Amino acid sequence: MVEEIAATVPDNVLEVIFSYLDLHDLRNCSLVCKNWYRFLNDENNDVWRLHCVRKLAEEALKSDLLSSVPTYKAKLRAFYHAWNPNDCSRNVYIKPNGFTLHRNPVAQSTDAARGKLGFRHGRHAWEVIWEGPLGTVAVIGIATKDAPLHCHGYFALLGSDDQSWGWNLVDNRLLHNGGSQGNYPLLNNAPKYQVGERIRVILDCDDNTLSFEKNYEFLGVAFRGLPDKRLYPSVSAVYGNTEVSMVYLGPPLDG
């Protein structure tokens, strides 16, 4: 009876009702009936647009930063997976757009940050865009909650212990447990990262692998045998005033 009534509510009424609900309630509403599921499955309707306007900075919505997540629901999802302002070095702050970290110009310091949400199951992809100078060390990858976020000196902090795995964009070396795990990608004279290029990070928690793409070219599996722990998008940087953006994409398109 309830499902029959719910199915008759017109879209313009649903739009008004759903605009007042939080994301948890909207997820529950999508399970009520096929009509509500259909309505909420439209990732560009006004309900998702209103939630985007409330949560995301106007700067982020109008910029090209979120061009890889074209729908309102995808942009909102990316925001909830962005850098965590409460889980980064004291020398790092998250800019008002919500997606870009800025490292302050502090000498003899290496500083890291993690995303808001970590992953233990499924397949996940996100883009990292390094928007300032790399310096001597610029590492992208993943880390557990136990990995350090700051150290003295200029170090490859991400990959410096058994709780983090990283790719140093400066010298194309893979790093884990304090040592180099070899060159990456496995190409002769592999081109170095150019500031502004989008790196796609692909974490497969089912296959326990970490891979990367650059300019939409798959570079191969970088790490295998990842542990059964919650793993977070992470970066570490040394250059003053450099900025790094991260945009969560969801499951890889090939999956």
Protein backbone atom coordinates (compact mmCIF):
# COMPACT_ATOMS: atom_id res chain seq x y z
CA MET A 1 0.00 0.00 0.00
CA VAL A 2 2.74 2.46 0.99
CA GLU A 3 4.76 1.61 -2.11
CA GLU A 4 1.71 2.17 -4.31
CA ILE A 5 1.12 5.62 -2.81
CA ALA A 6 4.82 6.52 -3.07
CA ALA A 7 4.83 5.56 -6.75
CA THR A 8 2.08 8.08 -7.52
CA VAL A 9 3.86 11.15 -6.09
CA PRO A 10 4.74 13.44 -9.04
CA ASP A 11 8.34 14.42 -9.71
CA ASN A 12 7.87 18.11 -8.86
CA VAL A 13 6.62 17.16 -5.39
CA LEU A 14 9.45 14.65 -4.89
CA GLU A 15 11.92 17.37 -5.83
CA VAL A 16 10.67 19.65 -3.05
CA ILE A 17 10.56 16.90 -0.42
CA PHE A 18 13.96 15.41 -1.27
CA SER A 19 15.65 18.81 -1.28
CA TYR A 20 15.21 18.93 2.53
CA LEU A 21 16.67 15.49 3.22
CA ASP A 22 20.29 14.61 3.96
CA LEU A 23 22.27 12.10 1.91
CA HIS A 24 21.62 9.17 4.25
CA ASP A 25 17.86 9.74 4.03
CA LEU A 26 18.05 10.09 0.25
CA ARG A 27 19.78 6.73 0.00
CA ASN A 28 16.98 5.16 2.04
CA CYS A 29 14.36 6.88 -0.12
CA SER A 30 15.89 5.36 -3.25
CA LEU A 31 14.98 1.93 -1.84
CA VAL A 32 11.30 2.71 -1.27
CA CYS A 33 9.99 2.07 -4.78
CA LYS A 34 11.03 2.01 -8.44
CA ASN A 35 9.71 5.52 -9.04
CA TRP A 36 11.80 7.07 -6.27
CA TYR A 37 14.83 5.06 -7.36
CA ARG A 38 14.36 6.32 -10.93
CA PHE A 39 14.08 9.90 -9.75
CA LEU A 40 17.15 9.82 -7.48
CA ASN A 41 19.16 7.88 -10.06
CA ASP A 42 19.06 10.97 -12.28
CA GLU A 43 22.38 12.44 -11.17
CA ASN A 44 21.67 15.84 -12.74
CA ASN A 45 18.24 16.61 -11.33
CA ASP A 46 17.53 19.63 -9.15
CA VAL A 47 17.78 17.67 -5.90
CA TRP A 48 21.47 16.92 -6.51
CA ARG A 49 22.01 20.41 -7.90
CA LEU A 50 20.66 21.97 -4.69
CA HIS A 51 22.83 19.74 -2.51
CA CYS A 52 25.84 20.72 -4.62
CA VAL A 53 25.12 24.42 -4.28
CA ARG A 54 24.81 24.06 -0.50
CA LYS A 55 27.98 22.03 0.01
CA LEU A 56 30.44 23.02 -2.73
CA ALA A 57 32.15 26.35 -3.12
CA GLU A 58 31.04 28.35 -6.14
CA GLU A 59 34.68 28.49 -7.22
CA ALA A 60 34.80 24.68 -7.47
CA LEU A 61 31.52 24.41 -9.37
CA LYS A 62 32.59 26.98 -11.97
CA SER A 63 36.16 25.78 -12.48
CA ASP A 64 37.54 23.06 -14.76
CA LEU A 65 38.76 21.12 -11.74
CA LEU A 66 35.61 18.99 -11.64
CA SER A 67 35.38 18.44 -15.40
CA SER A 68 35.95 14.70 -14.95
CA VAL A 69 32.82 14.44 -12.77
CA PRO A 70 30.16 16.06 -14.96
CA THR A 71 27.00 15.31 -12.95
CA TYR A 72 25.88 17.07 -9.77
CA LYS A 73 25.76 13.83 -7.80
CA ALA A 74 29.29 12.92 -8.92
CA LYS A 75 30.59 16.35 -7.89
CA LEU A 76 28.96 15.92 -4.48
CA ARG A 77 30.50 12.46 -4.12
CA ALA A 78 33.91 13.91 -4.99
CA PHE A 79 33.52 16.57 -2.30
CA TYR A 80 32.87 13.96 0.40
CA HIS A 81 36.04 12.12 -0.68
CA ALA A 82 38.29 15.20 -0.98
CA TRP A 83 41.32 16.09 1.17
CA ASN A 84 40.61 15.97 4.88
CA PRO A 85 41.41 19.31 6.60
CA ASN A 86 41.65 17.40 9.89
CA ASP A 87 44.04 14.74 8.60
CA CYS A 88 47.01 16.61 7.18
CA SER A 89 50.30 18.13 8.32
CA ARG A 90 50.15 21.38 10.28
CA ASN A 91 52.01 22.96 7.36
CA VAL A 92 49.18 22.13 4.95
CA TYR A 93 45.76 23.73 4.62
CA ILE A 94 42.82 22.96 2.36
CA LYS A 95 41.80 25.86 0.14
CA PRO A 96 38.21 27.20 0.14
CA ASN A 97 37.37 25.21 -3.00
CA GLY A 98 37.52 22.07 -0.83
CA PHE A 99 39.58 20.03 -3.30
CA THR A 100 43.05 21.64 -3.30
CA LEU A 101 45.70 21.51 -0.60
CA HIS A 102 48.34 24.21 -0.20
CA ARG A 103 51.69 23.54 1.44
CA ASN A 104 53.05 26.51 3.32
CA PRO A 105 56.68 27.54 2.63
CA VAL A 106 58.30 25.90 5.68
CA ALA A 107 61.98 25.03 5.37
CA GLN A 108 63.32 21.54 6.15
CA SER A 109 59.91 19.95 6.34
CA THR A 110 58.02 17.27 4.43
CA ASP A 111 54.25 17.35 4.72
CA ALA A 112 51.46 14.95 3.80
CA ALA A 113 47.68 14.78 3.64
CA ARG A 114 45.02 12.07 3.39
CA GLY A 115 41.55 11.99 1.88
CA LYS A 116 38.43 12.07 4.03
CA LEU A 117 37.42 8.49 3.24
CA GLY A 118 39.48 5.35 2.98
CA PHE A 119 38.73 2.11 1.15
CA ARG A 120 38.85 -1.54 2.10
CA HIS A 121 36.53 -3.08 -0.49
CA GLY A 122 35.76 -2.55 -4.16
CA ARG A 123 37.56 -0.63 -6.89
CA HIS A 124 38.13 3.11 -6.70
CA ALA A 125 39.68 5.79 -8.89
CA TRP A 126 40.62 9.40 -8.28
CA GLU A 127 42.58 12.09 -10.08
CA VAL A 128 45.52 13.99 -8.64
CA ILE A 129 46.65 17.26 -10.23
CA TRP A 130 49.93 18.77 -8.99
CA GLU A 131 49.42 22.49 -9.64
CA GLY A 132 52.70 23.91 -8.40
CA PRO A 133 56.43 23.09 -8.51
CA LEU A 134 57.34 19.53 -7.53
CA GLY A 135 60.58 20.32 -5.71
CA THR A 136 62.97 17.46 -5.00
CA VAL A 137 60.26 15.02 -3.88
CA ALA A 138 56.59 14.85 -4.88
CA VAL A 139 54.84 11.58 -4.04
CA ILE A 140 51.29 10.41 -4.73
CA GLY A 141 49.73 7.16 -3.59
CA ILE A 142 47.93 5.66 -0.61
CA ALA A 143 48.43 5.32 3.14
CA THR A 144 46.81 3.83 6.20
CA LYS A 145 45.80 5.96 9.17
CA ASP A 146 49.07 4.93 10.86
CA ALA A 147 51.33 6.59 8.28
CA PRO A 148 53.02 9.84 9.47
CA LEU A 149 51.94 13.20 8.05
CA HIS A 150 55.08 15.21 8.82
CA CYS A 151 58.81 14.75 9.18
CA HIS A 152 61.89 16.96 9.43
CA GLY A 153 63.94 17.47 6.27
CA TYR A 154 63.10 16.80 2.64
CA PHE A 155 62.02 13.20 2.39
CA ALA A 156 59.84 10.84 0.39
CA LEU A 157 57.48 10.64 3.36
CA LEU A 158 54.82 8.69 1.48
CA GLY A 159 56.43 5.29 1.08
CA SER A 160 58.85 5.78 3.96
CA ASP A 161 57.34 2.95 6.04
CA ASP A 162 55.19 -0.16 5.74
CA GLN A 163 51.99 1.91 6.06
CA SER A 164 52.23 3.82 2.78
CA TRP A 165 52.87 3.26 -0.94
CA GLY A 166 53.86 6.02 -3.33
CA TRP A 167 55.10 7.07 -6.75
CA ASN A 168 57.67 9.88 -6.74
CA LEU A 169 56.82 12.02 -9.76
CA VAL A 170 60.26 13.66 -9.69
CA ASP A 171 62.37 10.57 -10.48
CA ASN A 172 59.69 8.01 -11.45
CA ARG A 173 60.49 5.68 -8.55
CA LEU A 174 58.06 3.54 -6.57
CA LEU A 175 58.47 3.78 -2.81
CA HIS A 176 57.43 1.52 0.07
CA ASN A 177 58.82 0.54 3.47
CA GLY A 178 61.60 3.11 3.26
CA GLY A 179 63.11 1.94 0.00
CA SER A 180 62.78 2.10 -3.76
CA GLN A 181 60.68 -0.61 -5.39
CA GLY A 182 62.00 0.15 -8.87
CA ASN A 183 61.31 2.48 -11.77
CA TYR A 184 57.78 3.28 -12.86
CA PRO A 185 56.40 3.12 -15.44
CA LEU A 186 58.44 0.32 -16.97
CA LEU A 187 59.35 2.25 -20.10
CA ASN A 188 62.68 3.30 -21.54
CA ASN A 189 63.15 7.02 -20.90
CA ALA A 190 59.70 7.38 -19.38
CA PRO A 191 58.64 11.05 -19.56
CA LYS A 192 58.64 13.00 -16.32
CA TYR A 193 55.48 14.50 -14.89
CA GLN A 194 54.55 17.94 -16.19
CA VAL A 195 52.80 20.30 -13.79
CA GLY A 196 49.08 20.34 -14.43
CA GLU A 197 48.82 16.82 -15.88
CA ARG A 198 46.07 14.65 -14.43
CA ILE A 199 47.21 11.42 -12.82
CA ARG A 200 44.51 8.84 -12.29
CA VAL A 201 45.08 6.57 -9.29
CA ILE A 202 43.32 3.19 -9.36
CA LEU A 203 43.00 1.20 -6.14
CA ASP A 204 41.65 -2.34 -6.47
CA CYS A 205 40.87 -3.59 -2.98
CA ASP A 206 39.57 -6.89 -4.36
CA ASP A 207 42.79 -7.66 -6.24
CA ASN A 208 44.98 -5.78 -3.71
CA THR A 209 46.71 -3.67 -6.36
CA LEU A 210 47.50 -0.01 -6.97
CA SER A 211 47.89 1.35 -10.51
CA PHE A 212 48.21 4.70 -12.25
CA GLU A 213 47.16 6.34 -15.51
CA LYS A 214 48.58 9.50 -17.03
CA ASN A 215 46.80 11.41 -19.75
CA TYR A 216 44.37 8.46 -20.00
CA GLU A 217 47.18 5.98 -20.69
CA PHE A 218 47.33 3.01 -18.32
CA LEU A 219 50.85 2.76 -16.91
CA GLY A 220 50.56 -0.72 -15.40
CA VAL A 221 50.24 -2.12 -11.91
CA ALA A 222 52.57 -0.32 -9.50
CA PHE A 223 52.01 -2.31 -6.29
CA ARG A 224 50.63 -5.77 -5.58
CA GLY A 225 49.82 -7.57 -2.34
CA LEU A 226 48.32 -4.57 -0.54
CA PRO A 227 47.13 -5.38 2.99
CA ASP A 228 43.54 -5.86 4.08
CA LYS A 229 43.42 -2.43 5.71
CA ARG A 230 41.53 0.78 5.06
CA LEU A 231 43.64 2.72 2.56
CA TYR A 232 43.39 6.47 1.95
CA PRO A 233 44.35 8.66 -1.01
CA SER A 234 47.50 10.48 0.04
CA VAL A 235 50.31 12.78 -1.09
CA SER A 236 53.50 14.17 0.41
CA ALA A 237 55.23 17.38 -0.68
CA VAL A 238 58.29 19.48 0.12
CA TYR A 239 58.02 22.57 -2.07
CA GLY A 240 56.69 25.76 -0.49
CA ASN A 241 53.40 27.11 -1.87
CA THR A 242 52.87 24.08 -4.08
CA GLU A 243 49.27 22.96 -4.48
CA VAL A 244 47.74 19.54 -5.14
CA SER A 245 44.12 18.82 -6.05
CA MET A 246 42.32 15.50 -5.71
CA VAL A 247 38.99 14.55 -7.34
CA TYR A 248 37.34 11.23 -6.53
CA LEU A 249 35.84 9.56 -9.64
CA GLY A 250 34.22 6.40 -8.31
CA PRO A 251 34.76 2.91 -9.76
CA PRO A 252 37.17 2.78 -12.73
CA LEU A 253 35.38 2.93 -16.06
CA ASP A 254 36.90 -0.37 -17.17
CA GLY A 255 35.22 -2.11 -14.23
